[in-house]
C-alpha atoms as a PDB file:
ATOM      1  CA  MET A   1      31.506 102.229 112.145  1.00  0.00           C
ATOM      2  CA  LYS A   2      33.788 104.568 113.972  1.00  0.00           C
ATOM      3  CA  ASP A   3      32.710 106.228 117.295  1.00  0.00           C
ATOM      4  CA  LEU A   4      33.728 109.825 117.969  1.00  0.00           C
ATOM      5  CA  LEU A   5      33.702 111.768 121.247  1.00  0.00           C
ATOM      6  CA  VAL A   6      33.058 115.490 120.370  1.00  0.00           C
ATOM      7  CA  PHE A   7      33.803 118.407 122.637  1.00  0.00           C
ATOM      8  CA  GLY A   8      32.379 121.986 122.479  1.00  0.00           C
ATOM      9  CA  HIS A   9      29.282 123.671 123.641  1.00  0.00           C
ATOM     10  CA  LYS A  10      28.182 120.149 124.482  1.00  0.00           C
ATOM     11  CA  THR A  11      30.037 116.868 124.805  1.00  0.00           C
ATOM     12  CA  PHE A  12      28.469 113.958 122.765  1.00  0.00           C
ATOM     13  CA  LYS A  13      29.237 110.720 120.960  1.00  0.00           C
ATOM     14  CA  ILE A  14      28.579 110.145 117.263  1.00  0.00           C
ATOM     15  CA  SER A  15      28.957 106.925 115.132  1.00  0.00           C
ATOM     16  CA  VAL A  16      30.481 107.534 111.684  1.00  0.00           C
ATOM     17  CA  PRO A  17      30.183 105.045 108.777  1.00  0.00           C
ATOM     18  CA  ASP A  18      33.239 103.382 107.567  1.00  0.00           C
ATOM     19  CA  GLY A  19      34.629 105.218 104.536  1.00  0.00           C
ATOM     20  CA  ALA A  20      33.044 108.511 105.590  1.00  0.00           C
ATOM     21  CA  LYS A  21      35.146 111.686 105.326  1.00  0.00           C
ATOM     22  CA  ILE A  22      35.509 113.860 108.395  1.00  0.00           C
ATOM     23  CA  THR A  23      36.683 117.443 108.223  1.00  0.00           C
ATOM     24  CA  PHE A  24      37.173 119.994 111.093  1.00  0.00           C
ATOM     25  CA  GLY A  25      37.611 123.859 110.541  1.00  0.00           C
ATOM     26  CA  PRO A  26      36.000 127.205 110.958  1.00  0.00           C
ATOM     27  CA  TRP A  27      32.343 127.607 110.211  1.00  0.00           C
ATOM     28  CA  SER A  28      32.748 129.690 107.040  1.00  0.00           C
ATOM     29  CA  PRO A  29      35.700 129.994 104.571  1.00  0.00           C
ATOM     30  CA  SER A  30      38.214 132.735 104.834  1.00  0.00           C
ATOM     31  CA  THR A  31      37.882 136.118 103.467  1.00  0.00           C
ATOM     32  CA  GLY A  32      39.263 136.797 100.075  1.00  0.00           C
ATOM     33  CA  GLU A  33      42.570 137.969 101.873  1.00  0.00           C
ATOM     34  CA  GLY A  34      43.074 134.496 103.226  1.00  0.00           C
ATOM     35  CA  LYS A  35      42.013 135.736 106.834  1.00  0.00           C
ATOM     36  CA  TYR A  36      39.470 134.303 109.116  1.00  0.00           C
ATOM     37  CA  GLN A  37      37.178 136.406 111.331  1.00  0.00           C
ATOM     38  CA  MET A  38      38.689 136.303 114.828  1.00  0.00           C
ATOM     39  CA  SER A  39      35.485 136.473 117.009  1.00  0.00           C
ATOM     40  CA  GLU A  40      34.644 134.265 119.962  1.00  0.00           C
ATOM     41  CA  LYS A  41      32.263 132.290 117.647  1.00  0.00           C
ATOM     42  CA  ALA A  42      34.914 131.913 115.010  1.00  0.00           C
ATOM     43  CA  LEU A  43      37.373 130.317 117.468  1.00  0.00           C
ATOM     44  CA  ASN A  44      34.951 127.329 117.734  1.00  0.00           C
ATOM     45  CA  GLY A  45      35.153 124.919 114.804  1.00  0.00           C
ATOM     46  CA  THR A  46      32.725 123.011 112.728  1.00  0.00           C
ATOM     47  CA  LEU A  47      32.928 119.171 112.382  1.00  0.00           C
ATOM     48  CA  ARG A  48      31.519 117.787 109.072  1.00  0.00           C
ATOM     49  CA  VAL A  49      30.866 114.323 107.953  1.00  0.00           C
ATOM     50  CA  TYR A  50      30.627 113.413 104.306  1.00  0.00           C
ATOM     51  CA  GLU A  51      29.399 110.124 102.872  1.00  0.00           C
ATOM     52  CA  SER A  52      32.839 109.439 101.363  1.00  0.00           C
ATOM     53  CA  ALA A  53      36.153 111.041 100.416  1.00  0.00           C
ATOM     54  CA  LYS A  54      34.993 111.395  96.737  1.00  0.00           C
ATOM     55  CA  SER A  55      34.655 114.837  95.391  1.00  0.00           C
ATOM     56  CA  GLY A  56      30.933 116.003  95.437  1.00  0.00           C
ATOM     57  CA  ALA A  57      29.974 113.385  98.250  1.00  0.00           C
ATOM     58  CA  GLY A  58      26.813 114.364 100.159  1.00  0.00           C
ATOM     59  CA  ILE A  59      27.145 115.638 103.562  1.00  0.00           C
ATOM     60  CA  LEU A  60      25.757 113.513 106.448  1.00  0.00           C
ATOM     61  CA  ALA A  61      26.134 115.923 109.412  1.00  0.00           C
ATOM     62  CA  VAL A  62      27.423 119.321 110.472  1.00  0.00           C
ATOM     63  CA  PHE A  63      28.228 120.209 114.020  1.00  0.00           C
ATOM     64  CA  SER A  64      29.111 123.728 115.015  1.00  0.00           C
ATOM     65  CA  GLY A  65      30.602 125.020 118.196  1.00  0.00           C
ATOM     66  CA  VAL A  66      33.146 122.104 118.323  1.00  0.00           C
ATOM     67  CA  THR A  67      36.367 122.657 120.058  1.00  0.00           C
ATOM     68  CA  GLY A  68      37.855 119.271 119.566  1.00  0.00           C
ATOM     69  CA  PHE A  69      37.092 115.446 119.000  1.00  0.00           C
ATOM     70  CA  ARG A  70      38.741 112.079 119.172  1.00  0.00           C
ATOM     71  CA  ASP A  71      38.184 108.606 117.928  1.00  0.00           C
ATOM     72  CA  LEU A  72      37.116 106.466 120.866  1.00  0.00           C
ATOM     73  CA  SER A  73      39.144 103.453 119.612  1.00  0.00           C
ATOM     74  CA  ILE A  74      42.193 105.435 120.781  1.00  0.00           C
ATOM     75  CA  ASP A  75      43.111 104.682 124.440  1.00  0.00           C
ATOM     76  CA  TYR A  76      43.121 107.917 126.516  1.00  0.00           C
ATOM     77  CA  SER A  77      43.767 108.545 130.071  1.00  0.00           C
ATOM     78  CA  GLU A  78      44.671 111.752 132.050  1.00  0.00           C
ATOM     79  CA  GLU A  79      46.505 112.642 135.117  1.00  0.00           C
ATOM     80  CA  VAL A  80      44.282 114.042 137.816  1.00  0.00           C
ATOM     81  CA  ALA A  81      45.891 115.894 140.836  1.00  0.00           C
ATOM     82  CA  ARG A  82      44.127 116.474 144.059  1.00  0.00           C
ATOM     83  CA  GLU A  83      45.408 118.837 146.713  1.00  0.00           C
ATOM     84  CA  GLU A  84      43.924 118.875 150.170  1.00  0.00           C
ATOM     85  CA  GLY A  85      44.969 120.912 153.112  1.00  0.00           C
ATOM     86  CA  ALA A  86      45.088 124.322 154.847  1.00  0.00           C
ATOM     87  CA  ILE A  87      47.393 127.334 155.159  1.00  0.00           C
ATOM     88  CA  ILE A  88      47.221 128.944 158.541  1.00  0.00           C
ATOM     89  CA  TRP A  89      48.628 132.385 159.315  1.00  0.00           C
ATOM     90  CA  LYS A  90      49.768 133.056 162.787  1.00  0.00           C
ATOM     91  CA  SER A  91      50.597 136.394 164.339  1.00  0.00           C
ATOM     92  CA  ASP A  92      52.693 136.963 167.434  1.00  0.00           C
ATOM     93  CA  LYS A  93      55.188 139.501 168.845  1.00  0.00           C
ATOM     94  CA  ASP A  94      57.747 138.215 166.338  1.00  0.00           C
ATOM     95  CA  GLY A  95      55.549 138.918 163.339  1.00  0.00           C
ATOM     96  CA  TYR A  96      53.515 136.546 160.985  1.00  0.00           C
ATOM     97  CA  GLN A  97      54.236 132.997 160.414  1.00  0.00           C
ATOM     98  CA  ARG A  98      52.770 130.700 157.843  1.00  0.00           C
ATOM     99  CA  GLU A  99      51.886 127.023 158.673  1.00  0.00           C
ATOM    100  CA  GLU A 100      51.056 124.828 155.634  1.00  0.00           C
ATOM    101  CA  LYS A 101      49.519 121.353 155.982  1.00  0.00           C
ATOM    102  CA  VAL A 102      48.997 120.168 152.451  1.00  0.00           C
ATOM    103  CA  SER A 103      48.581 116.622 150.927  1.00  0.00           C
ATOM    104  CA  ARG A 104      49.099 116.210 147.175  1.00  0.00           C
ATOM    105  CA  LYS A 105      48.117 113.080 145.257  1.00  0.00           C
ATOM    106  CA  ALA A 106      48.135 112.370 141.494  1.00  0.00           C
ATOM    107  CA  THR A 107      46.422 109.397 139.794  1.00  0.00           C
ATOM    108  CA  TRP A 108      45.793 108.391 136.244  1.00  0.00           C
ATOM    109  CA  THR A 109      42.214 107.919 135.282  1.00  0.00           C
ATOM    110  CA  ASP A 110      40.298 106.693 132.234  1.00  0.00           C
ATOM    111  CA  PRO A 111      37.364 109.151 131.909  1.00  0.00           C
ATOM    112  CA  GLN A 112      34.048 107.783 130.630  1.00  0.00           C
ATOM    113  CA  LEU A 113      31.369 109.852 129.086  1.00  0.00           C
ATOM    114  CA  VAL A 114      28.286 109.443 131.308  1.00  0.00           C
ATOM    115  CA  ALA A 115      25.110 110.551 129.669  1.00  0.00           C
ATOM    116  CA  GLY A 116      23.593 113.595 131.337  1.00  0.00           C
ATOM    117  CA  GLU A 117      26.566 114.156 133.711  1.00  0.00           C
ATOM    118  CA  GLU A 118      27.480 117.547 132.251  1.00  0.00           C
ATOM    119  CA  ASP A 119      23.772 118.656 132.220  1.00  0.00           C
ATOM    120  CA  ASP A 120      23.519 118.055 135.959  1.00  0.00           C
ATOM    121  CA  ALA A 121      26.518 120.092 136.714  1.00  0.00           C
ATOM    122  CA  GLU A 122      25.116 123.279 135.152  1.00  0.00           C
END
């Protein structure tokens, strides 16, 4: 089994059987002129999972509104930057003066998907 983290309207995990074929693309095929409809809905993709790579294999699942996905067996971390501070504008007889007290820190994190975390934020 392969575990995938899927991003889009929702973020979720799926387990895909070994040997299954995974495709990602627009919801519907292009027009006869080879063009895709460029609406906001069309910019989101569709993730499809087939039983196997064989021609005519049955489809196991279709997920629409997908913007990306990744195999969870691939190590992933991201740099998170945090900036804290204040900018103070002072005015006197000589004009305006800007005083900046800012602290910047960057760390690498290994984000974990926590069930329900996104739902609570909405």
